[in-house]
C-alpha atoms as a PDB file:
ATOM      1  CA  MET A   1      89.090 104.018 110.276  1.00  0.00           C
ATOM      2  CA  ALA A   2      88.040 105.844 106.927  1.00  0.00           C
ATOM      3  CA  THR A   3      88.162 104.104 103.612  1.00  0.00           C
ATOM      4  CA  LEU A   4      90.261 105.896 101.014  1.00  0.00           C
ATOM      5  CA  VAL A   5      87.187 107.116  99.390  1.00  0.00           C
ATOM      6  CA  GLN A   6      85.574 107.954 102.515  1.00  0.00           C
ATOM      7  CA  ALA A   7      88.656 110.213 103.490  1.00  0.00           C
ATOM      8  CA  VAL A   8      88.185 111.741  99.727  1.00  0.00           C
ATOM      9  CA  ARG A   9      84.623 112.563 100.811  1.00  0.00           C
ATOM     10  CA  LEU A  10      85.670 114.002 103.881  1.00  0.00           C
ATOM     11  CA  ALA A  11      88.144 116.233 102.812  1.00  0.00           C
ATOM     12  CA  LEU A  12      85.634 117.656  99.838  1.00  0.00           C
ATOM     13  CA  HIS A  13      83.306 118.207 102.460  1.00  0.00           C
ATOM     14  CA  TYR A  14      85.836 120.247 104.649  1.00  0.00           C
ATOM     15  CA  GLY A  15      87.044 122.091 101.454  1.00  0.00           C
ATOM     16  CA  GLU A  16      83.504 123.192 100.477  1.00  0.00           C
ATOM     17  CA  THR A  17      83.104 124.347 104.181  1.00  0.00           C
ATOM     18  CA  HIS A  18      86.355 125.998 105.073  1.00  0.00           C
ATOM     19  CA  LEU A  19      88.637 126.248 101.917  1.00  0.00           C
ATOM     20  CA  GLY A  20      86.122 128.101  99.485  1.00  0.00           C
ATOM     21  CA  VAL A  21      85.468 125.008  97.103  1.00  0.00           C
ATOM     22  CA  THR A  22      82.519 126.701  94.832  1.00  0.00           C
ATOM     23  CA  ASP A  23      81.493 123.592  92.838  1.00  0.00           C
ATOM     24  CA  ILE A  24      82.072 119.836  92.646  1.00  0.00           C
ATOM     25  CA  PHE A  25      81.234 118.469  89.506  1.00  0.00           C
ATOM     26  CA  GLY A  26      81.352 115.525  86.746  1.00  0.00           C
ATOM     27  CA  GLU A  27      79.561 112.528  85.275  1.00  0.00           C
ATOM     28  CA  ASP A  28      76.831 111.164  88.079  1.00  0.00           C
ATOM     29  CA  VAL A  29      78.910 113.117  90.635  1.00  0.00           C
ATOM     30  CA  GLY A  30      75.797 114.913  92.029  1.00  0.00           C
ATOM     31  CA  PRO A  31      72.605 113.259  93.673  1.00  0.00           C
ATOM     32  CA  PRO A  32      71.641 110.406  93.843  1.00  0.00           C
ATOM     33  CA  LEU A  33      74.358 108.540  92.950  1.00  0.00           C
ATOM     34  CA  GLY A  34      77.411 110.906  94.490  1.00  0.00           C
ATOM     35  CA  GLY A  35      79.994 109.252  91.842  1.00  0.00           C
ATOM     36  CA  VAL A  36      80.187 105.672  90.559  1.00  0.00           C
ATOM     37  CA  PHE A  37      82.551 105.135  93.626  1.00  0.00           C
ATOM     38  CA  THR A  38      80.799 107.381  96.072  1.00  0.00           C
ATOM     39  CA  ALA A  39      83.385 109.796  96.538  1.00  0.00           C
ATOM     40  CA  THR A  40      81.058 112.811  96.092  1.00  0.00           C
ATOM     41  CA  GLN A  41      77.822 111.573  98.383  1.00  0.00           C
ATOM     42  CA  GLY A  42      76.070 114.059 100.402  1.00  0.00           C
ATOM     43  CA  LEU A  43      78.373 117.340  99.312  1.00  0.00           C
ATOM     44  CA  ARG A  44      76.589 120.498  99.481  1.00  0.00           C
ATOM     45  CA  THR A  45      78.153 121.777  96.340  1.00  0.00           C
ATOM     46  CA  ALA A  46      77.955 118.642  94.117  1.00  0.00           C
ATOM     47  CA  TRP A  47      76.297 118.316  90.692  1.00  0.00           C
ATOM     48  CA  ASN A  48      75.809 116.414  87.623  1.00  0.00           C
ATOM     49  CA  THR A  49      77.298 117.045  83.927  1.00  0.00           C
ATOM     50  CA  PRO A  50      76.704 115.807  80.712  1.00  0.00           C
ATOM     51  CA  LEU A  51      78.840 112.813  79.529  1.00  0.00           C
ATOM     52  CA  ASP A  52      81.498 115.123  77.975  1.00  0.00           C
ATOM     53  CA  GLU A  53      84.974 115.008  79.733  1.00  0.00           C
ATOM     54  CA  ARG A  54      86.021 118.046  77.478  1.00  0.00           C
ATOM     55  CA  GLY A  55      83.359 120.095  78.330  1.00  0.00           C
ATOM     56  CA  ILE A  56      83.854 119.460  82.048  1.00  0.00           C
ATOM     57  CA  VAL A  57      87.494 120.817  82.177  1.00  0.00           C
ATOM     58  CA  GLY A  58      86.511 123.837  80.003  1.00  0.00           C
ATOM     59  CA  ALA A  59      83.806 124.436  82.711  1.00  0.00           C
ATOM     60  CA  ALA A  60      86.219 124.152  85.180  1.00  0.00           C
ATOM     61  CA  MET A  61      88.633 126.456  83.693  1.00  0.00           C
ATOM     62  CA  GLY A  62      85.796 128.996  83.164  1.00  0.00           C
ATOM     63  CA  ILE A  63      84.514 128.657  86.817  1.00  0.00           C
ATOM     64  CA  ALA A  64      88.359 129.336  88.028  1.00  0.00           C
ATOM     65  CA  TYR A  65      88.729 132.474  85.862  1.00  0.00           C
ATOM     66  CA  ALA A  66      85.414 133.878  87.172  1.00  0.00           C
ATOM     67  CA  GLY A  67      86.927 133.529  90.478  1.00  0.00           C
ATOM     68  CA  GLY A  68      85.505 130.142  91.679  1.00  0.00           C
ATOM     69  CA  ARG A  69      87.440 127.174  92.898  1.00  0.00           C
ATOM     70  CA  PRO A  70      86.204 124.196  91.273  1.00  0.00           C
ATOM     71  CA  ILE A  71      86.899 120.122  91.636  1.00  0.00           C
ATOM     72  CA  PHE A  72      85.947 117.943  89.122  1.00  0.00           C
ATOM     73  CA  GLU A  73      85.887 114.469  88.521  1.00  0.00           C
ATOM     74  CA  ILE A  74      86.920 112.436  85.393  1.00  0.00           C
ATOM     75  CA  GLN A  75      84.881 109.144  86.463  1.00  0.00           C
ATOM     76  CA  PHE A  76      87.741 106.985  85.033  1.00  0.00           C
ATOM     77  CA  CYS A  77      91.364 108.163  84.109  1.00  0.00           C
ATOM     78  CA  ASP A  78      90.506 106.032  80.844  1.00  0.00           C
ATOM     79  CA  TYR A  79      88.205 108.723  79.810  1.00  0.00           C
ATOM     80  CA  ALA A  80      90.669 111.545  80.044  1.00  0.00           C
ATOM     81  CA  PHE A  81      92.673 110.732  77.058  1.00  0.00           C
ATOM     82  CA  ASN A  82      90.417 112.637  74.770  1.00  0.00           C
ATOM     83  CA  MET A  83      90.707 115.901  76.446  1.00  0.00           C
ATOM     84  CA  ILE A  84      94.648 115.941  77.088  1.00  0.00           C
ATOM     85  CA  ASP A  85      94.880 119.005  74.868  1.00  0.00           C
ATOM     86  CA  LEU A  86      92.720 120.916  77.239  1.00  0.00           C
ATOM     87  CA  LEU A  87      94.765 119.783  80.198  1.00  0.00           C
ATOM     88  CA  LYS A  88      97.819 120.892  78.482  1.00  0.00           C
ATOM     89  CA  VAL A  89      95.847 124.565  78.108  1.00  0.00           C
ATOM     90  CA  ALA A  90      94.906 124.336  81.559  1.00  0.00           C
ATOM     91  CA  GLY A  91      98.625 123.711  83.063  1.00  0.00           C
ATOM     92  CA  ASN A  92     100.134 126.429  80.925  1.00  0.00           C
ATOM     93  CA  GLN A  93      97.489 129.358  82.147  1.00  0.00           C
ATOM     94  CA  ARG A  94      99.453 130.357  85.224  1.00  0.00           C
ATOM     95  CA  TRP A  95     103.070 130.635  83.585  1.00  0.00           C
ATOM     96  CA  ALA A  96     101.517 132.266  80.387  1.00  0.00           C
ATOM     97  CA  SER A  97     100.041 135.099  82.731  1.00  0.00           C
ATOM     98  CA  ALA A  98     103.473 135.405  84.501  1.00  0.00           C
ATOM     99  CA  GLY A  99     101.542 134.717  87.589  1.00  0.00           C
ATOM    100  CA  ALA A 100      98.653 136.947  86.955  1.00  0.00           C
ATOM    101  CA  PHE A 101      96.127 134.507  86.660  1.00  0.00           C
ATOM    102  CA  ASP A 102      95.401 131.479  88.985  1.00  0.00           C
ATOM    103  CA  MET A 103      94.124 128.325  88.024  1.00  0.00           C
ATOM    104  CA  PRO A 104      92.973 126.775  91.185  1.00  0.00           C
ATOM    105  CA  ILE A 105      91.215 123.577  89.901  1.00  0.00           C
ATOM    106  CA  VAL A 106      91.517 120.083  91.050  1.00  0.00           C
ATOM    107  CA  MET A 107      90.942 116.982  88.871  1.00  0.00           C
ATOM    108  CA  MET A 108      90.097 113.931  90.490  1.00  0.00           C
ATOM    109  CA  THR A 109      90.031 110.552  88.739  1.00  0.00           C
ATOM    110  CA  PRO A 110      90.234 106.699  89.952  1.00  0.00           C
ATOM    111  CA  THR A 111      93.403 105.169  88.073  1.00  0.00           C
ATOM    112  CA  GLY A 112      94.984 101.640  87.444  1.00  0.00           C
ATOM    113  CA  SER A 113      93.828  98.237  87.734  1.00  0.00           C
ATOM    114  CA  GLY A 114      92.465  95.944  90.560  1.00  0.00           C
ATOM    115  CA  ILE A 115      88.653  96.219  89.916  1.00  0.00           C
ATOM    116  CA  ARG A 116      88.689  93.825  86.866  1.00  0.00           C
ATOM    117  CA  GLY A 117      88.009  96.831  84.590  1.00  0.00           C
ATOM    118  CA  SER A 118      88.994  95.184  81.622  1.00  0.00           C
ATOM    119  CA  LEU A 119      90.284  97.488  78.325  1.00  0.00           C
ATOM    120  CA  TYR A 120      88.569 100.879  79.418  1.00  0.00           C
ATOM    121  CA  HIS A 121      88.683 100.888  83.194  1.00  0.00           C
ATOM    122  CA  SER A 122      92.144  99.803  83.865  1.00  0.00           C
ATOM    123  CA  HIS A 123      94.453 102.195  82.452  1.00  0.00           C
ATOM    124  CA  SER A 124      96.998 103.757  84.775  1.00  0.00           C
ATOM    125  CA  TYR A 125      97.525 107.902  83.978  1.00  0.00           C
ATOM    126  CA  GLU A 126     100.604 108.807  85.796  1.00  0.00           C
ATOM    127  CA  SER A 127     103.204 108.626  83.102  1.00  0.00           C
ATOM    128  CA  TRP A 128     100.895 110.786  80.732  1.00  0.00           C
ATOM    129  CA  ALA A 129      99.841 113.172  83.725  1.00  0.00           C
ATOM    130  CA  THR A 130     103.675 114.220  84.684  1.00  0.00           C
ATOM    131  CA  ARG A 131     104.051 115.182  80.916  1.00  0.00           C
ATOM    132  CA  LEU A 132     101.579 118.028  81.648  1.00  0.00           C
ATOM    133  CA  ALA A 133     103.829 120.854  82.543  1.00  0.00           C
ATOM    134  CA  GLY A 134     102.080 123.221  85.004  1.00  0.00           C
ATOM    135  CA  TRP A 135      99.970 120.665  86.797  1.00  0.00           C
ATOM    136  CA  LYS A 136     100.785 119.190  90.190  1.00  0.00           C
ATOM    137  CA  ILE A 137     100.252 115.300  90.504  1.00  0.00           C
ATOM    138  CA  VAL A 138      99.651 113.400  93.322  1.00  0.00           C
ATOM    139  CA  MET A 139      98.681 109.681  94.093  1.00  0.00           C
ATOM    140  CA  PRO A 140      97.771 108.722  97.736  1.00  0.00           C
ATOM    141  CA  SER A 141      98.572 105.094  99.029  1.00  0.00           C
ATOM    142  CA  ASN A 142      96.425 105.261 102.059  1.00  0.00           C
ATOM    143  CA  SER A 143      93.400 107.364 103.685  1.00  0.00           C
ATOM    144  CA  LEU A 144      95.095 110.108 105.966  1.00  0.00           C
ATOM    145  CA  ASP A 145      97.261 110.756 102.878  1.00  0.00           C
ATOM    146  CA  ALA A 146      94.145 111.119 100.558  1.00  0.00           C
ATOM    147  CA  TYR A 147      92.999 113.585 102.856  1.00  0.00           C
ATOM    148  CA  GLY A 148      95.675 115.850 103.216  1.00  0.00           C
ATOM    149  CA  LEU A 149      97.115 115.628  99.571  1.00  0.00           C
ATOM    150  CA  MET A 150      93.274 116.673  98.584  1.00  0.00           C
ATOM    151  CA  LEU A 151      93.331 119.759 101.196  1.00  0.00           C
ATOM    152  CA  SER A 152      96.523 120.909  99.970  1.00  0.00           C
ATOM    153  CA  ALA A 153      95.278 120.646  96.250  1.00  0.00           C
ATOM    154  CA  ILE A 154      92.340 122.534  96.994  1.00  0.00           C
ATOM    155  CA  VAL A 155      94.303 125.618  98.299  1.00  0.00           C
ATOM    156  CA  ASP A 156      97.074 125.523  95.554  1.00  0.00           C
ATOM    157  CA  PRO A 157      96.729 128.250  92.877  1.00  0.00           C
ATOM    158  CA  ASN A 158      97.944 125.800  90.046  1.00  0.00           C
ATOM    159  CA  PRO A 159      95.916 122.909  88.501  1.00  0.00           C
ATOM    160  CA  VAL A 160      96.548 119.657  90.680  1.00  0.00           C
ATOM    161  CA  MET A 161      95.496 116.273  89.609  1.00  0.00           C
ATOM    162  CA  VAL A 162      94.625 113.575  92.364  1.00  0.00           C
ATOM    163  CA  LEU A 163      94.986 110.218  90.831  1.00  0.00           C
ATOM    164  CA  LEU A 164      93.068 107.714  93.081  1.00  0.00           C
ATOM    165  CA  PRO A 165      94.004 103.944  92.933  1.00  0.00           C
ATOM    166  CA  LYS A 166      91.029 101.818  92.165  1.00  0.00           C
ATOM    167  CA  ALA A 167      92.081  98.868  93.955  1.00  0.00           C
ATOM    168  CA  LEU A 168      92.594 100.969  97.597  1.00  0.00           C
ATOM    169  CA  LEU A 169      89.186 102.766  97.500  1.00  0.00           C
ATOM    170  CA  ARG A 170      87.690 100.694  99.645  1.00  0.00           C
ATOM    171  CA  VAL A 171      90.780  99.802 101.861  1.00  0.00           C
ATOM    172  CA  ARG A 172      90.551 101.423 105.392  1.00  0.00           C
ATOM    173  CA  GLY A 173      93.548 103.326 106.676  1.00  0.00           C
ATOM    174  CA  ASP A 174      95.384 102.656 109.722  1.00  0.00           C
ATOM    175  CA  ARG A 175      95.305 106.217 111.072  1.00  0.00           C
ATOM    176  CA  LEU A 176      92.519 108.618 112.039  1.00  0.00           C
ATOM    177  CA  ILE A 177      91.528 111.751 110.103  1.00  0.00           C
ATOM    178  CA  PRO A 178      91.556 114.575 112.448  1.00  0.00           C
ATOM    179  CA  GLY A 179      87.860 114.721 113.913  1.00  0.00           C
ATOM    180  CA  GLU A 180      86.913 111.360 112.446  1.00  0.00           C
ATOM    181  CA  PRO A 181      84.865 109.191 114.532  1.00  0.00           C
ATOM    182  CA  ALA A 182      87.095 106.000 115.730  1.00  0.00           C
ATOM    183  CA  ASP A 183      84.111 103.522 115.372  1.00  0.00           C
ATOM    184  CA  GLU A 184      84.065 102.913 111.519  1.00  0.00           C
ATOM    185  CA  GLU A 185      80.178 101.668 111.517  1.00  0.00           C
ATOM    186  CA  GLU A 186      79.619 105.048 113.035  1.00  0.00           C
ATOM    187  CA  LEU A 187      81.604 106.811 110.303  1.00  0.00           C
ATOM    188  CA  LYS A 188      79.454 104.751 107.448  1.00  0.00           C
ATOM    189  CA  ARG A 189      75.878 105.436 109.052  1.00  0.00           C
ATOM    190  CA  ARG A 190      76.769 109.033 109.243  1.00  0.00           C
ATOM    191  CA  ILE A 191      78.488 109.852 105.817  1.00  0.00           C
ATOM    192  CA  ASP A 192      77.356 106.670 103.459  1.00  0.00           C
ATOM    193  CA  ALA A 193      74.387 107.255 101.657  1.00  0.00           C
ATOM    194  CA  PRO A 194      71.883 104.223 102.038  1.00  0.00           C
ATOM    195  CA  ILE A 195      70.978 101.978  99.185  1.00  0.00           C
ATOM    196  CA  GLY A 196      67.816 102.562  97.594  1.00  0.00           C
ATOM    197  CA  ASP A 197      65.562 105.645  98.060  1.00  0.00           C
ATOM    198  CA  ARG A 198      67.867 108.585  98.908  1.00  0.00           C
ATOM    199  CA  SER A 199      65.482 111.141  98.680  1.00  0.00           C
ATOM    200  CA  ASN A 200      65.010 112.558 102.321  1.00  0.00           C
ATOM    201  CA  TRP A 201      68.790 111.213 103.197  1.00  0.00           C
ATOM    202  CA  GLU A 202      71.406 113.796 104.298  1.00  0.00           C
ATOM    203  CA  PRO A 203      74.991 113.400 105.574  1.00  0.00           C
ATOM    204  CA  ASP A 204      75.639 113.892 109.443  1.00  0.00           C
ATOM    205  CA  TRP A 205      79.178 115.196 108.881  1.00  0.00           C
ATOM    206  CA  PRO A 206      81.823 114.737 111.551  1.00  0.00           C
ATOM    207  CA  ASP A 207      83.598 118.140 112.440  1.00  0.00           C
ATOM    208  CA  VAL A 208      86.583 117.006 110.568  1.00  0.00           C
ATOM    209  CA  GLY A 209      89.937 119.169 111.262  1.00  0.00           C
ATOM    210  CA  GLU A 210      92.837 120.644 108.926  1.00  0.00           C
ATOM    211  CA  TYR A 211      95.311 118.536 107.815  1.00  0.00           C
ATOM    212  CA  PHE A 212      97.858 119.197 104.870  1.00  0.00           C
ATOM    213  CA  VAL A 213     100.343 116.901 103.479  1.00  0.00           C
ATOM    214  CA  PRO A 214     102.524 119.179 101.603  1.00  0.00           C
ATOM    215  CA  LEU A 215     102.686 118.632  97.885  1.00  0.00           C
ATOM    216  CA  GLY A 216     106.241 117.339  96.599  1.00  0.00           C
ATOM    217  CA  GLN A 217     106.834 115.662 100.308  1.00  0.00           C
ATOM    218  CA  ALA A 218     107.484 111.874 100.193  1.00  0.00           C
ATOM    219  CA  GLU A 219     107.135 109.782 103.493  1.00  0.00           C
ATOM    220  CA  LEU A 220     109.567 107.010 104.629  1.00  0.00           C
ATOM    221  CA  VAL A 221     107.301 104.007 105.620  1.00  0.00           C
ATOM    222  CA  ARG A 222     109.846 101.636 106.167  1.00  0.00           C
ATOM    223  CA  GLU A 223     113.467 102.323 107.325  1.00  0.00           C
ATOM    224  CA  GLY A 224     116.262 100.031 106.454  1.00  0.00           C
ATOM    225  CA  THR A 225     119.891  99.719 104.898  1.00  0.00           C
ATOM    226  CA  ALA A 226     119.892  97.005 102.228  1.00  0.00           C
ATOM    227  CA  ALA A 227     118.023  98.986  99.459  1.00  0.00           C
ATOM    228  CA  THR A 228     115.992 101.741  98.446  1.00  0.00           C
ATOM    229  CA  VAL A 229     112.466 100.961  97.127  1.00  0.00           C
ATOM    230  CA  ILE A 230     110.383 103.708  95.541  1.00  0.00           C
ATOM    231  CA  SER A 231     106.485 103.277  94.427  1.00  0.00           C
ATOM    232  CA  TYR A 232     103.194 105.137  95.207  1.00  0.00           C
ATOM    233  CA  GLY A 233      99.608 104.317  94.660  1.00  0.00           C
ATOM    234  CA  ARG A 234      98.366 100.489  94.544  1.00  0.00           C
ATOM    235  CA  THR A 235     102.016  98.992  94.439  1.00  0.00           C
ATOM    236  CA  LEU A 236     103.081 101.130  97.680  1.00  0.00           C
ATOM    237  CA  PRO A 237     101.433  98.407 100.170  1.00  0.00           C
ATOM    238  CA  LEU A 238     102.999  95.590  98.002  1.00  0.00           C
ATOM    239  CA  CYS A 239     106.145  96.850  98.502  1.00  0.00           C
ATOM    240  CA  VAL A 240     105.610  97.270 102.255  1.00  0.00           C
ATOM    241  CA  GLN A 241     104.372  93.858 102.277  1.00  0.00           C
ATOM    242  CA  ALA A 242     107.447  92.174 100.846  1.00  0.00           C
ATOM    243  CA  ALA A 243     109.975  94.643 102.619  1.00  0.00           C
ATOM    244  CA  ASP A 244     108.219  93.002 105.887  1.00  0.00           C
ATOM    245  CA  GLU A 245     108.305  89.516 104.816  1.00  0.00           C
ATOM    246  CA  ILE A 246     112.197  89.513 103.865  1.00  0.00           C
ATOM    247  CA  GLN A 247     112.886  91.382 107.180  1.00  0.00           C
ATOM    248  CA  ARG A 248     110.819  88.620 109.248  1.00  0.00           C
ATOM    249  CA  THR A 249     112.627  85.620 107.310  1.00  0.00           C
ATOM    250  CA  SER A 250     116.383  87.299 106.855  1.00  0.00           C
ATOM    251  CA  GLY A 251     116.287  90.292 109.050  1.00  0.00           C
ATOM    252  CA  THR A 252     117.382  92.488 105.837  1.00  0.00           C
ATOM    253  CA  THR A 253     115.660  95.893 105.874  1.00  0.00           C
ATOM    254  CA  PHE A 254     114.844  98.331 103.400  1.00  0.00           C
ATOM    255  CA  ASP A 255     114.080 101.911 102.976  1.00  0.00           C
ATOM    256  CA  VAL A 256     110.491 102.286 101.205  1.00  0.00           C
ATOM    257  CA  ILE A 257     109.495 105.854 100.141  1.00  0.00           C
ATOM    258  CA  ASP A 258     105.994 106.772  99.362  1.00  0.00           C
ATOM    259  CA  LEU A 259     106.358 109.535  96.866  1.00  0.00           C
ATOM    260  CA  ARG A 260     102.734 110.516  97.383  1.00  0.00           C
ATOM    261  CA  SER A 261     103.702 113.651  95.076  1.00  0.00           C
ATOM    262  CA  LEU A 262     104.733 112.600  91.320  1.00  0.00           C
ATOM    263  CA  PHE A 263     105.229 116.455  90.801  1.00  0.00           C
ATOM    264  CA  PRO A 264     106.992 117.863  92.182  1.00  0.00           C
ATOM    265  CA  TYR A 265     108.341 114.915  93.804  1.00  0.00           C
ATOM    266  CA  ASP A 266     110.784 114.692  96.782  1.00  0.00           C
ATOM    267  CA  TRP A 267     114.333 114.200  95.111  1.00  0.00           C
ATOM    268  CA  PRO A 268     116.171 114.953  98.350  1.00  0.00           C
ATOM    269  CA  ALA A 269     114.350 112.138 100.011  1.00  0.00           C
ATOM    270  CA  ILE A 270     115.281 109.594  97.391  1.00  0.00           C
ATOM    271  CA  ARG A 271     118.957 111.178  97.135  1.00  0.00           C
ATOM    272  CA  GLN A 272     119.260 110.553 101.070  1.00  0.00           C
ATOM    273  CA  SER A 273     118.324 106.969 100.967  1.00  0.00           C
ATOM    274  CA  ILE A 274     120.633 106.228  97.607  1.00  0.00           C
ATOM    275  CA  LEU A 275     123.439 107.473  99.442  1.00  0.00           C
ATOM    276  CA  LYS A 276     122.698 105.217 102.420  1.00  0.00           C
ATOM    277  CA  THR A 277     121.913 102.098 100.476  1.00  0.00           C
ATOM    278  CA  GLY A 278     123.435 102.244  97.184  1.00  0.00           C
ATOM    279  CA  ARG A 279     120.357  99.885  95.501  1.00  0.00           C
ATOM    280  CA  VAL A 280     117.318 101.269  94.148  1.00  0.00           C
ATOM    281  CA  LEU A 281     113.842  99.771  92.868  1.00  0.00           C
ATOM    282  CA  ILE A 282     111.145 101.616  91.571  1.00  0.00           C
ATOM    283  CA  VAL A 283     107.722 100.131  91.418  1.00  0.00           C
ATOM    284  CA  ASN A 284     104.499 100.925  89.575  1.00  0.00           C
ATOM    285  CA  GLU A 285     101.840  99.515  87.408  1.00  0.00           C
ATOM    286  CA  ASP A 286     101.913 101.905  84.653  1.00  0.00           C
ATOM    287  CA  THR A 287     103.110 100.009  81.127  1.00  0.00           C
ATOM    288  CA  GLU A 288     106.453  99.982  80.499  1.00  0.00           C
ATOM    289  CA  VAL A 289     108.162 102.398  77.732  1.00  0.00           C
ATOM    290  CA  THR A 290     108.089 105.912  78.926  1.00  0.00           C
ATOM    291  CA  ASN A 291     107.188 105.018  82.334  1.00  0.00           C
ATOM    292  CA  PHE A 292     107.402 107.561  85.172  1.00  0.00           C
ATOM    293  CA  GLY A 293     109.502 105.233  86.745  1.00  0.00           C
ATOM    294  CA  GLU A 294     111.986 105.303  84.021  1.00  0.00           C
ATOM    295  CA  HIS A 295     112.276 109.168  84.205  1.00  0.00           C
ATOM    296  CA  LEU A 296     113.413 108.520  88.052  1.00  0.00           C
ATOM    297  CA  LEU A 297     116.009 105.825  86.970  1.00  0.00           C
ATOM    298  CA  ARG A 298     117.443 108.085  84.401  1.00  0.00           C
ATOM    299  CA  ARG A 299     118.016 110.821  87.029  1.00  0.00           C
ATOM    300  CA  VAL A 300     119.251 107.924  89.684  1.00  0.00           C
ATOM    301  CA  VAL A 301     121.874 106.977  87.167  1.00  0.00           C
ATOM    302  CA  GLU A 302     122.790 110.927  85.968  1.00  0.00           C
ATOM    303  CA  GLU A 303     123.203 111.827  89.519  1.00  0.00           C
ATOM    304  CA  HIS A 304     124.185 108.871  91.564  1.00  0.00           C
ATOM    305  CA  PHE A 305     125.864 106.464  88.985  1.00  0.00           C
ATOM    306  CA  TYR A 306     129.206 106.399  91.212  1.00  0.00           C
ATOM    307  CA  ASP A 307     127.174 105.792  94.428  1.00  0.00           C
ATOM    308  CA  LEU A 308     125.158 102.414  93.291  1.00  0.00           C
ATOM    309  CA  LEU A 309     126.663  99.496  94.184  1.00  0.00           C
ATOM    310  CA  VAL A 310     124.529  97.691  91.588  1.00  0.00           C
ATOM    311  CA  LYS A 311     122.452  98.393  88.655  1.00  0.00           C
ATOM    312  CA  PRO A 312     119.009 100.054  89.519  1.00  0.00           C
ATOM    313  CA  ARG A 313     115.676  98.394  88.591  1.00  0.00           C
ATOM    314  CA  VAL A 314     112.399  99.460  87.671  1.00  0.00           C
ATOM    315  CA  LEU A 315     109.100  96.880  87.947  1.00  0.00           C
ATOM    316  CA  GLN A 316     106.480  97.968  86.093  1.00  0.00           C
ATOM    317  CA  GLY A 317     103.233  96.938  84.064  1.00  0.00           C
ATOM    318  CA  LYS A 318     103.467  94.924  80.760  1.00  0.00           C
ATOM    319  CA  HIS A 319     103.560  97.204  77.494  1.00  0.00           C
ATOM    320  CA  ILE A 320     100.011  95.999  76.001  1.00  0.00           C
ATOM    321  CA  PRO A 321      97.276  97.657  74.723  1.00  0.00           C
ATOM    322  CA  GLY A 322      95.009  97.006  77.953  1.00  0.00           C
ATOM    323  CA  ILE A 323      94.010  94.571  80.557  1.00  0.00           C
ATOM    324  CA  GLY A 324      91.641  91.830  80.193  1.00  0.00           C
ATOM    325  CA  LEU A 325      88.566  91.301  82.268  1.00  0.00           C
ATOM    326  CA  ASN A 326      90.011  87.710  83.189  1.00  0.00           C
ATOM    327  CA  GLN A 327      91.554  88.102  86.584  1.00  0.00           C
ATOM    328  CA  THR A 328      94.316  86.016  85.419  1.00  0.00           C
ATOM    329  CA  TYR A 329      95.062  88.663  82.641  1.00  0.00           C
ATOM    330  CA  GLU A 330      94.932  91.438  84.963  1.00  0.00           C
ATOM    331  CA  THR A 331      97.054  90.076  87.585  1.00  0.00           C
ATOM    332  CA  ASN A 332      99.645  88.852  85.252  1.00  0.00           C
ATOM    333  CA  THR A 333      99.803  92.365  83.487  1.00  0.00           C
ATOM    334  CA  VAL A 334     100.738  94.591  86.709  1.00  0.00           C
ATOM    335  CA  PRO A 335     102.996  93.985  89.121  1.00  0.00           C
ATOM    336  CA  GLN A 336     101.905  91.732  92.116  1.00  0.00           C
ATOM    337  CA  SER A 337     103.286  90.828  95.701  1.00  0.00           C
ATOM    338  CA  ASN A 338     105.319  87.919  94.509  1.00  0.00           C
ATOM    339  CA  GLU A 339     107.030  89.605  91.737  1.00  0.00           C
ATOM    340  CA  VAL A 340     107.842  92.672  94.170  1.00  0.00           C
ATOM    341  CA  ARG A 341     109.465  90.045  96.653  1.00  0.00           C
ATOM    342  CA  GLN A 342     111.534  88.650  93.917  1.00  0.00           C
ATOM    343  CA  ALA A 343     112.739  91.887  92.607  1.00  0.00           C
ATOM    344  CA  LEU A 344     113.678  92.805  95.899  1.00  0.00           C
ATOM    345  CA  SER A 345     115.457  89.294  96.544  1.00  0.00           C
ATOM    346  CA  GLU A 346     117.430  89.780  93.432  1.00  0.00           C
ATOM    347  CA  LEU A 347     118.233  93.319  94.302  1.00  0.00           C
ATOM    348  CA  MET A 348     119.576  92.710  98.012  1.00  0.00           C
ATOM    349  CA  ASN A 349     121.547  89.553  96.727  1.00  0.00           C
ATOM    350  CA  GLU A 350     123.223  90.910  93.636  1.00  0.00           C
ATOM    351  CA  ALA A 351     127.042  91.055  94.190  1.00  0.00           C
ATOM    352  CA  ALA A 352     128.529  94.582  94.354  1.00  0.00           C
END
């Protein structure tokens, strides 16, 4: 089974081979490194840029206006704050032209905690990203979704941001990508560049196939009746783990929804689950105070106040300037599995 980052690489290969991707670029994206997380190793259209995030997004817009279909990587989402004005411009181009000019650019960037990246490599970006009108925003929690969301992002005429959870990049999926070798060691031999001299290395790409995850479509990864749990990215597996543990000990079951797309998001799936359970927990690791989960909470309350049995909750990261390098600081700053389990227990045990 492919890891999440291998799935991204396979999707980019499929994109440059079958979907018209013309350029894949960013800091250390081309040879010999192929990206700091190896997402772009061996890709035919990959090339290196200067250390200039504003220049990278500007180049992507220019390539798109010239008829290309570019994908660019911002090495860490922490480096995207100095270009947010240009991201806003990229997001308004189709709207400003009344649809006359497409802006088929894809920005991919690692986001969140989980690698002990400290102050400058641990931010979450989804709350900032979802404020950028005109952009579509996705965040996968597994390899197959990473592959399918990337393909959908590539063919979309709007700018799409693919946020990749750092903590999950090396996690293997449990479902095969179409055409992926079942033997993970075979896949590694064929597409992972060797350590050391890579001057004569070329990947042996498997014949992966078409697989699209529609933008704006959530997935119900666990089904139950006690409560609705909404999450995405790094915290989604924590929610699944907590739901499974509680089910084993008490028999209580939960709806666990993987949003996958943060904008547009699958409100019908959320609504259907709320009408069934009447209890809601939203989990992510971005800092509280103007958190994307707070937007969902507001809409839940506005549209389903009389359908709720107890108050809805958001479990989120702490509102502090950054995450410390020390492992204890990092784990105490963003939600962990024990906190998700405790929040679920409190939610299901509160009297209606």
